[in-house]
Amino acid sequence: MRNLKITAAAMLALTATTACVTDPNTGEQRVSRAAIGAGLGGLGGLLAGDVLGGRRDRTEKIVGAGIGAIAGGAIGGYMDRQEQALRRQTAGTGVEVTRDGDDLLLNIPSGITFDTNSYAIQPQFRTTLDQVAQTLSQYNQTMVDVYGHTDSTGGDQINIPLSENRARSVADYLTTRGVQSARLATRGFGSSQPVASNDTVDGRAQNRRVEIKIVPVSDNNAQDDRPYPDDRNARPRRDRGY
């Protein structure tokens, strides 16, 4: 399995030095909170498998739904254009866009998306999600994972269902805006993957978030059948109807 020899310390160092974002207002480079979280909370997931349900199975289902894979040499440019569109559309909204190789991660603070203890998307954020959905529909040769996260307040009995419901709410909304359900998968992590300390108000606010991971569908994906660890229910979602 790839990257098994990478130590936790090396992974965190790599995250800190390479996973930067450009502030849309100042143009300055800074380390993304989402990227820090991937290094701190998601190390096991990154090493064991980085797409819900496994790349091979997801690729087969997406191609089976009539969406073609991207030729290997064209992936970089394809994701470059998608990244640029997403940065334009989310500038000034509080959403962070992080590039990691050919993958993209959108970090959406739940404070701008949901009311406290709610998984109903706030009306004022729907315009931003509409724009994100438009780009995802335009660049449809990608897998889209939606992850829900909470702070540590309340315990797992509350936090895990809340994070799952928030992830599903965002995925369901994207589906209503034209993103094909075959491309989408969701998972709620509760408080297990913090990006900041839960000992402070600001840290807890950072930990309450939804992430959208966008991964290109390529011919190489079919060679990677690694399942997401300990997630028997992580599989592409089916359209439930509205």
C-alpha atoms as a PDB file:
ATOM      1  CA  MET A   1       0.000   0.000   0.000  1.00  0.00           C
ATOM      2  CA  ARG A   2       1.344   3.387  -0.932  1.00  0.00           C
ATOM      3  CA  ASN A   3       2.723   5.780   1.696  1.00  0.00           C
ATOM      4  CA  LEU A   4       2.761   3.274   4.540  1.00  0.00           C
ATOM      5  CA  LYS A   5       6.367   4.215   5.247  1.00  0.00           C
ATOM      6  CA  ILE A   6       5.488   7.861   5.781  1.00  0.00           C
ATOM      7  CA  THR A   7       5.607   8.618   9.502  1.00  0.00           C
ATOM      8  CA  ALA A   8       3.128  10.852  11.274  1.00  0.00           C
ATOM      9  CA  ALA A   9       5.794  13.483  11.797  1.00  0.00           C
ATOM     10  CA  ALA A  10       6.744  13.472   8.127  1.00  0.00           C
ATOM     11  CA  MET A  11       3.124  13.712   7.092  1.00  0.00           C
ATOM     12  CA  LEU A  12       2.503  16.702   9.320  1.00  0.00           C
ATOM     13  CA  ALA A  13       5.641  18.394   8.043  1.00  0.00           C
ATOM     14  CA  LEU A  14       4.578  17.815   4.455  1.00  0.00           C
ATOM     15  CA  THR A  15       1.126  19.232   5.197  1.00  0.00           C
ATOM     16  CA  ALA A  16       2.528  22.309   6.860  1.00  0.00           C
ATOM     17  CA  THR A  17       4.962  23.108   4.052  1.00  0.00           C
ATOM     18  CA  THR A  18       2.943  22.285   0.951  1.00  0.00           C
ATOM     19  CA  ALA A  19      -0.790  22.557   1.664  1.00  0.00           C
ATOM     20  CA  CYS A  20      -1.276  26.289   1.305  1.00  0.00           C
ATOM     21  CA  VAL A  21      -4.149  28.420   0.131  1.00  0.00           C
ATOM     22  CA  THR A  22      -4.263  31.900  -1.343  1.00  0.00           C
ATOM     23  CA  ASP A  23      -6.323  34.420   0.600  1.00  0.00           C
ATOM     24  CA  PRO A  24      -8.750  35.836  -2.006  1.00  0.00           C
ATOM     25  CA  ASN A  25      -8.677  39.278  -0.348  1.00  0.00           C
ATOM     26  CA  THR A  26      -4.955  39.776   0.316  1.00  0.00           C
ATOM     27  CA  GLY A  27      -3.337  37.397  -2.171  1.00  0.00           C
ATOM     28  CA  GLU A  28      -1.113  36.052   0.610  1.00  0.00           C
ATOM     29  CA  GLN A  29      -0.218  32.359   0.936  1.00  0.00           C
ATOM     30  CA  ARG A  30      -1.046  30.614   4.214  1.00  0.00           C
ATOM     31  CA  VAL A  31      -1.400  27.075   5.511  1.00  0.00           C
ATOM     32  CA  SER A  32      -5.008  25.952   5.269  1.00  0.00           C
ATOM     33  CA  ARG A  33      -6.882  24.943   8.414  1.00  0.00           C
ATOM     34  CA  ALA A  34      -8.413  22.144   6.389  1.00  0.00           C
ATOM     35  CA  ALA A  35      -4.972  20.881   5.403  1.00  0.00           C
ATOM     36  CA  ILE A  36      -3.796  21.000   9.015  1.00  0.00           C
ATOM     37  CA  GLY A  37      -6.824  18.959   9.957  1.00  0.00           C
ATOM     38  CA  ALA A  38      -6.026  16.388   7.300  1.00  0.00           C
ATOM     39  CA  GLY A  39      -2.577  16.013   8.848  1.00  0.00           C
ATOM     40  CA  LEU A  40      -3.795  15.885  12.478  1.00  0.00           C
ATOM     41  CA  GLY A  41      -7.097  14.091  12.312  1.00  0.00           C
ATOM     42  CA  GLY A  42      -7.109  12.296   8.988  1.00  0.00           C
ATOM     43  CA  LEU A  43      -3.670  10.708   8.878  1.00  0.00           C
ATOM     44  CA  GLY A  44      -4.996   7.165   9.135  1.00  0.00           C
ATOM     45  CA  GLY A  45      -7.577   7.820   6.445  1.00  0.00           C
ATOM     46  CA  LEU A  46      -5.041   9.390   4.106  1.00  0.00           C
ATOM     47  CA  LEU A  47      -2.720   6.410   4.405  1.00  0.00           C
ATOM     48  CA  ALA A  48      -5.383   3.711   4.132  1.00  0.00           C
ATOM     49  CA  GLY A  49      -7.623   5.147   1.426  1.00  0.00           C
ATOM     50  CA  ASP A  50      -8.616   8.657   0.489  1.00  0.00           C
ATOM     51  CA  VAL A  51     -11.956   8.156  -1.281  1.00  0.00           C
ATOM     52  CA  LEU A  52     -15.117   6.868   0.355  1.00  0.00           C
ATOM     53  CA  GLY A  53     -15.879   3.382  -0.915  1.00  0.00           C
ATOM     54  CA  GLY A  54     -12.613   2.957  -2.844  1.00  0.00           C
ATOM     55  CA  ARG A  55     -11.526   4.523  -6.115  1.00  0.00           C
ATOM     56  CA  ARG A  56     -12.023   1.477  -8.302  1.00  0.00           C
ATOM     57  CA  ASP A  57     -15.652   0.860  -7.317  1.00  0.00           C
ATOM     58  CA  ARG A  58     -16.487   4.545  -7.524  1.00  0.00           C
ATOM     59  CA  THR A  59     -14.869   4.863 -10.936  1.00  0.00           C
ATOM     60  CA  GLU A  60     -16.769   1.856 -12.275  1.00  0.00           C
ATOM     61  CA  LYS A  61     -20.110   3.263 -11.077  1.00  0.00           C
ATOM     62  CA  ILE A  62     -19.421   6.748 -12.409  1.00  0.00           C
ATOM     63  CA  VAL A  63     -18.280   5.499 -15.809  1.00  0.00           C
ATOM     64  CA  GLY A  64     -21.304   3.181 -15.803  1.00  0.00           C
ATOM     65  CA  ALA A  65     -23.506   6.247 -15.309  1.00  0.00           C
ATOM     66  CA  GLY A  66     -22.186   7.658 -18.587  1.00  0.00           C
ATOM     67  CA  ILE A  67     -19.457   9.926 -17.214  1.00  0.00           C
ATOM     68  CA  GLY A  68     -16.109   9.405 -18.903  1.00  0.00           C
ATOM     69  CA  ALA A  69     -12.733   9.172 -17.190  1.00  0.00           C
ATOM     70  CA  ILE A  70     -10.032  11.795 -17.757  1.00  0.00           C
ATOM     71  CA  ALA A  71      -6.942  10.809 -19.714  1.00  0.00           C
ATOM     72  CA  GLY A  72      -3.918  10.824 -17.425  1.00  0.00           C
ATOM     73  CA  GLY A  73      -2.068  13.656 -19.118  1.00  0.00           C
ATOM     74  CA  ALA A  74      -5.112  15.939 -19.034  1.00  0.00           C
ATOM     75  CA  ILE A  75      -5.907  15.632 -15.339  1.00  0.00           C
ATOM     76  CA  GLY A  76      -3.680  18.477 -14.136  1.00  0.00           C
ATOM     77  CA  GLY A  77      -5.135  21.064 -16.505  1.00  0.00           C
ATOM     78  CA  TYR A  78      -8.688  19.861 -15.860  1.00  0.00           C
ATOM     79  CA  MET A  79      -8.300  20.269 -12.100  1.00  0.00           C
ATOM     80  CA  ASP A  80      -6.476  23.604 -12.558  1.00  0.00           C
ATOM     81  CA  ARG A  81      -9.484  25.050 -14.346  1.00  0.00           C
ATOM     82  CA  GLN A  82     -11.905  23.663 -11.783  1.00  0.00           C
ATOM     83  CA  GLU A  83      -9.809  25.043  -8.925  1.00  0.00           C
ATOM     84  CA  GLN A  84      -9.724  28.505 -10.467  1.00  0.00           C
ATOM     85  CA  ALA A  85     -13.496  28.504 -10.946  1.00  0.00           C
ATOM     86  CA  LEU A  86     -14.126  27.409  -7.354  1.00  0.00           C
ATOM     87  CA  ARG A  87     -11.761  30.036  -5.949  1.00  0.00           C
ATOM     88  CA  ARG A  88     -13.553  32.769  -7.886  1.00  0.00           C
ATOM     89  CA  GLN A  89     -16.969  31.588  -6.787  1.00  0.00           C
ATOM     90  CA  THR A  90     -16.129  31.213  -3.098  1.00  0.00           C
ATOM     91  CA  ALA A  91     -13.922  34.306  -2.651  1.00  0.00           C
ATOM     92  CA  GLY A  92     -15.013  36.284   0.396  1.00  0.00           C
ATOM     93  CA  THR A  93     -17.499  33.647   1.586  1.00  0.00           C
ATOM     94  CA  GLY A  94     -15.371  32.017   4.313  1.00  0.00           C
ATOM     95  CA  VAL A  95     -14.931  28.847   2.252  1.00  0.00           C
ATOM     96  CA  GLU A  96     -11.325  27.658   1.906  1.00  0.00           C
ATOM     97  CA  VAL A  97     -10.130  25.888  -1.247  1.00  0.00           C
ATOM     98  CA  THR A  98      -7.072  23.649  -0.818  1.00  0.00           C
ATOM     99  CA  ARG A  99      -5.174  21.876  -3.607  1.00  0.00           C
ATOM    100  CA  ASP A 100      -3.443  18.597  -2.771  1.00  0.00           C
ATOM    101  CA  GLY A 101      -1.877  17.128  -5.894  1.00  0.00           C
ATOM    102  CA  ASP A 102      -4.789  16.619  -8.267  1.00  0.00           C
ATOM    103  CA  ASP A 103      -7.409  16.667  -5.482  1.00  0.00           C
ATOM    104  CA  LEU A 104      -9.356  19.661  -4.206  1.00  0.00           C
ATOM    105  CA  LEU A 105     -10.805  20.205  -0.740  1.00  0.00           C
ATOM    106  CA  LEU A 106     -13.425  22.800   0.125  1.00  0.00           C
ATOM    107  CA  ASN A 107     -13.575  23.597   3.844  1.00  0.00           C
ATOM    108  CA  ILE A 108     -16.944  25.129   4.756  1.00  0.00           C
ATOM    109  CA  PRO A 109     -17.338  26.408   8.339  1.00  0.00           C
ATOM    110  CA  SER A 110     -20.689  25.204   9.656  1.00  0.00           C
ATOM    111  CA  GLY A 111     -21.327  28.620  11.184  1.00  0.00           C
ATOM    112  CA  ILE A 112     -21.989  30.028   7.703  1.00  0.00           C
ATOM    113  CA  THR A 113     -23.901  26.941   6.584  1.00  0.00           C
ATOM    114  CA  PHE A 114     -26.047  25.748   9.511  1.00  0.00           C
ATOM    115  CA  ASP A 115     -27.676  27.084  12.661  1.00  0.00           C
ATOM    116  CA  THR A 116     -26.543  25.543  15.958  1.00  0.00           C
ATOM    117  CA  ASN A 117     -27.640  21.888  16.294  1.00  0.00           C
ATOM    118  CA  SER A 118     -29.330  22.061  12.890  1.00  0.00           C
ATOM    119  CA  TYR A 119     -28.617  20.416   9.551  1.00  0.00           C
ATOM    120  CA  ALA A 120     -30.883  22.682   7.508  1.00  0.00           C
ATOM    121  CA  ILE A 121     -28.746  24.784   5.145  1.00  0.00           C
ATOM    122  CA  GLN A 122     -29.057  28.495   5.879  1.00  0.00           C
ATOM    123  CA  PRO A 123     -30.782  30.366   3.021  1.00  0.00           C
ATOM    124  CA  GLN A 124     -27.979  32.929   2.698  1.00  0.00           C
ATOM    125  CA  PHE A 125     -25.444  30.188   1.920  1.00  0.00           C
ATOM    126  CA  ARG A 126     -27.434  28.562  -0.856  1.00  0.00           C
ATOM    127  CA  THR A 127     -26.133  31.028  -3.443  1.00  0.00           C
ATOM    128  CA  THR A 128     -22.570  29.901  -2.746  1.00  0.00           C
ATOM    129  CA  LEU A 129     -23.558  26.235  -2.928  1.00  0.00           C
ATOM    130  CA  ASP A 130     -25.394  26.975  -6.177  1.00  0.00           C
ATOM    131  CA  GLN A 131     -22.138  28.262  -7.642  1.00  0.00           C
ATOM    132  CA  VAL A 132     -20.175  25.298  -6.314  1.00  0.00           C
ATOM    133  CA  ALA A 133     -22.765  22.947  -7.826  1.00  0.00           C
ATOM    134  CA  GLN A 134     -22.530  24.764 -11.150  1.00  0.00           C
ATOM    135  CA  THR A 135     -18.783  24.159 -11.273  1.00  0.00           C
ATOM    136  CA  LEU A 136     -19.130  20.540 -10.164  1.00  0.00           C
ATOM    137  CA  SER A 137     -21.690  20.003 -12.913  1.00  0.00           C
ATOM    138  CA  GLN A 138     -19.460  21.646 -15.501  1.00  0.00           C
ATOM    139  CA  TYR A 139     -16.446  19.581 -14.419  1.00  0.00           C
ATOM    140  CA  ASN A 140     -18.325  16.340 -13.937  1.00  0.00           C
ATOM    141  CA  GLN A 141     -15.419  13.898 -14.326  1.00  0.00           C
ATOM    142  CA  THR A 142     -14.809  13.888 -10.590  1.00  0.00           C
ATOM    143  CA  MET A 143     -15.814  11.997  -7.458  1.00  0.00           C
ATOM    144  CA  VAL A 144     -17.305  14.205  -4.755  1.00  0.00           C
ATOM    145  CA  ASP A 145     -17.045  13.208  -1.082  1.00  0.00           C
ATOM    146  CA  VAL A 146     -18.881  15.305   1.506  1.00  0.00           C
ATOM    147  CA  TYR A 147     -17.605  15.049   5.082  1.00  0.00           C
ATOM    148  CA  GLY A 148     -19.329  16.392   8.194  1.00  0.00           C
ATOM    149  CA  HIS A 149     -17.407  17.367  11.347  1.00  0.00           C
ATOM    150  CA  THR A 150     -18.324  18.760  14.778  1.00  0.00           C
ATOM    151  CA  ASP A 151     -16.528  20.023  17.862  1.00  0.00           C
ATOM    152  CA  SER A 152     -16.239  17.821  20.939  1.00  0.00           C
ATOM    153  CA  THR A 153     -19.188  19.349  22.791  1.00  0.00           C
ATOM    154  CA  GLY A 154     -22.138  16.990  23.291  1.00  0.00           C
ATOM    155  CA  GLY A 155     -20.600  13.557  22.816  1.00  0.00           C
ATOM    156  CA  ASP A 156     -20.756  11.035  19.986  1.00  0.00           C
ATOM    157  CA  GLN A 157     -24.457  10.233  20.382  1.00  0.00           C
ATOM    158  CA  ILE A 158     -25.221  13.792  19.263  1.00  0.00           C
ATOM    159  CA  ASN A 159     -22.193  14.687  17.172  1.00  0.00           C
ATOM    160  CA  ILE A 160     -21.979  11.698  14.842  1.00  0.00           C
ATOM    161  CA  PRO A 161     -25.629  11.840  13.665  1.00  0.00           C
ATOM    162  CA  LEU A 162     -25.400  15.641  13.379  1.00  0.00           C
ATOM    163  CA  SER A 163     -22.235  15.459  11.260  1.00  0.00           C
ATOM    164  CA  GLU A 164     -23.773  12.744   9.076  1.00  0.00           C
ATOM    165  CA  ASN A 165     -26.958  14.744   8.564  1.00  0.00           C
ATOM    166  CA  ARG A 166     -25.043  17.904   7.687  1.00  0.00           C
ATOM    167  CA  ALA A 167     -22.952  16.043   5.121  1.00  0.00           C
ATOM    168  CA  ARG A 168     -26.098  14.528   3.598  1.00  0.00           C
ATOM    169  CA  SER A 169     -27.844  17.918   3.551  1.00  0.00           C
ATOM    170  CA  VAL A 170     -25.026  19.429   1.505  1.00  0.00           C
ATOM    171  CA  ALA A 171     -24.853  16.400  -0.814  1.00  0.00           C
ATOM    172  CA  ASP A 172     -28.636  16.379  -1.265  1.00  0.00           C
ATOM    173  CA  TYR A 173     -28.609  20.076  -2.086  1.00  0.00           C
ATOM    174  CA  LEU A 174     -25.860  19.600  -4.667  1.00  0.00           C
ATOM    175  CA  THR A 175     -27.941  16.832  -6.231  1.00  0.00           C
ATOM    176  CA  THR A 176     -30.953  19.130  -6.574  1.00  0.00           C
ATOM    177  CA  ARG A 177     -28.655  21.569  -8.390  1.00  0.00           C
ATOM    178  CA  GLY A 178     -27.569  19.064 -11.018  1.00  0.00           C
ATOM    179  CA  VAL A 179     -24.641  17.162  -9.515  1.00  0.00           C
ATOM    180  CA  GLN A 180     -25.195  13.499 -10.388  1.00  0.00           C
ATOM    181  CA  SER A 181     -25.838  11.306  -7.364  1.00  0.00           C
ATOM    182  CA  ALA A 182     -23.502   8.594  -8.713  1.00  0.00           C
ATOM    183  CA  ARG A 183     -20.605  10.945  -8.055  1.00  0.00           C
ATOM    184  CA  LEU A 184     -21.506  11.669  -4.420  1.00  0.00           C
ATOM    185  CA  ALA A 185     -20.712   9.899  -1.155  1.00  0.00           C
ATOM    186  CA  THR A 186     -21.059  11.165   2.406  1.00  0.00           C
ATOM    187  CA  ARG A 187     -19.692  10.466   5.846  1.00  0.00           C
ATOM    188  CA  GLY A 188     -19.989  12.081   9.266  1.00  0.00           C
ATOM    189  CA  PHE A 189     -16.902  11.997  11.485  1.00  0.00           C
ATOM    190  CA  GLY A 190     -18.365  13.664  14.561  1.00  0.00           C
ATOM    191  CA  SER A 191     -15.545  15.233  16.570  1.00  0.00           C
ATOM    192  CA  SER A 192     -12.877  12.678  15.625  1.00  0.00           C
ATOM    193  CA  GLN A 193     -10.946  14.893  13.161  1.00  0.00           C
ATOM    194  CA  PRO A 194     -10.385  18.304  14.758  1.00  0.00           C
ATOM    195  CA  VAL A 195      -8.415  20.997  12.942  1.00  0.00           C
ATOM    196  CA  ALA A 196      -7.943  23.077  16.085  1.00  0.00           C
ATOM    197  CA  SER A 197      -8.130  22.761  19.857  1.00  0.00           C
ATOM    198  CA  ASN A 198     -11.563  22.105  21.322  1.00  0.00           C
ATOM    199  CA  ASP A 199     -10.478  23.957  24.454  1.00  0.00           C
ATOM    200  CA  THR A 200     -11.254  27.388  22.976  1.00  0.00           C
ATOM    201  CA  VAL A 201     -14.331  28.989  21.446  1.00  0.00           C
ATOM    202  CA  ASP A 202     -12.455  29.799  18.233  1.00  0.00           C
ATOM    203  CA  GLY A 203     -11.040  26.285  18.008  1.00  0.00           C
ATOM    204  CA  ARG A 204     -14.447  24.680  18.403  1.00  0.00           C
ATOM    205  CA  ALA A 205     -15.817  26.983  15.710  1.00  0.00           C
ATOM    206  CA  GLN A 206     -13.075  25.830  13.328  1.00  0.00           C
ATOM    207  CA  ASN A 207     -13.853  22.187  14.057  1.00  0.00           C
ATOM    208  CA  ARG A 208     -17.540  22.589  13.165  1.00  0.00           C
ATOM    209  CA  ARG A 209     -17.312  22.295   9.409  1.00  0.00           C
ATOM    210  CA  VAL A 210     -18.303  20.484   6.240  1.00  0.00           C
ATOM    211  CA  GLU A 211     -15.647  19.473   3.720  1.00  0.00           C
ATOM    212  CA  ILE A 212     -16.158  18.693   0.054  1.00  0.00           C
ATOM    213  CA  LYS A 213     -13.382  16.615  -1.480  1.00  0.00           C
ATOM    214  CA  ILE A 214     -13.166  16.550  -5.264  1.00  0.00           C
ATOM    215  CA  VAL A 215     -11.108  13.779  -6.876  1.00  0.00           C
ATOM    216  CA  PRO A 216     -10.632  13.288 -10.634  1.00  0.00           C
ATOM    217  CA  VAL A 217     -11.975  10.151 -12.281  1.00  0.00           C
ATOM    218  CA  SER A 218      -9.144   8.633 -14.305  1.00  0.00           C
ATOM    219  CA  ASP A 219      -8.275   5.332 -15.900  1.00  0.00           C
ATOM    220  CA  ASN A 220      -5.777   4.844 -13.094  1.00  0.00           C
ATOM    221  CA  ASN A 221      -8.556   4.955 -10.489  1.00  0.00           C
ATOM    222  CA  ALA A 222      -9.736   1.548 -11.634  1.00  0.00           C
ATOM    223  CA  GLN A 223      -6.437   0.098 -10.433  1.00  0.00           C
ATOM    224  CA  ASP A 224      -6.995   1.390  -6.884  1.00  0.00           C
ATOM    225  CA  ASP A 225      -9.526  -0.643  -4.911  1.00  0.00           C
ATOM    226  CA  ARG A 226      -8.590   0.496  -1.431  1.00  0.00           C
ATOM    227  CA  PRO A 227     -11.692   0.817   0.771  1.00  0.00           C
ATOM    228  CA  TYR A 228     -12.114   3.659   3.203  1.00  0.00           C
ATOM    229  CA  PRO A 229     -11.122   2.293   6.644  1.00  0.00           C
ATOM    230  CA  ASP A 230     -13.823   1.008   8.984  1.00  0.00           C
ATOM    231  CA  ASP A 231     -16.666   2.386   6.897  1.00  0.00           C
ATOM    232  CA  ARG A 232     -18.992  -0.326   5.728  1.00  0.00           C
ATOM    233  CA  ASN A 233     -21.670   2.162   4.738  1.00  0.00           C
ATOM    234  CA  ALA A 234     -19.454   4.462   2.687  1.00  0.00           C
ATOM    235  CA  ARG A 235     -20.577   4.005  -0.873  1.00  0.00           C
ATOM    236  CA  PRO A 236     -21.892   6.243  -3.645  1.00  0.00           C
ATOM    237  CA  ARG A 237     -25.276   7.585  -2.673  1.00  0.00           C
ATOM    238  CA  ARG A 238     -28.416   6.796  -4.611  1.00  0.00           C
ATOM    239  CA  ASP A 239     -30.884   9.455  -5.510  1.00  0.00           C
ATOM    240  CA  ARG A 240     -33.659   9.202  -2.943  1.00  0.00           C
ATOM    241  CA  GLY A 241     -35.993  11.583  -4.735  1.00  0.00           C
ATOM    242  CA  TYR A 242     -37.267  14.959  -3.550  1.00  0.00           C
END
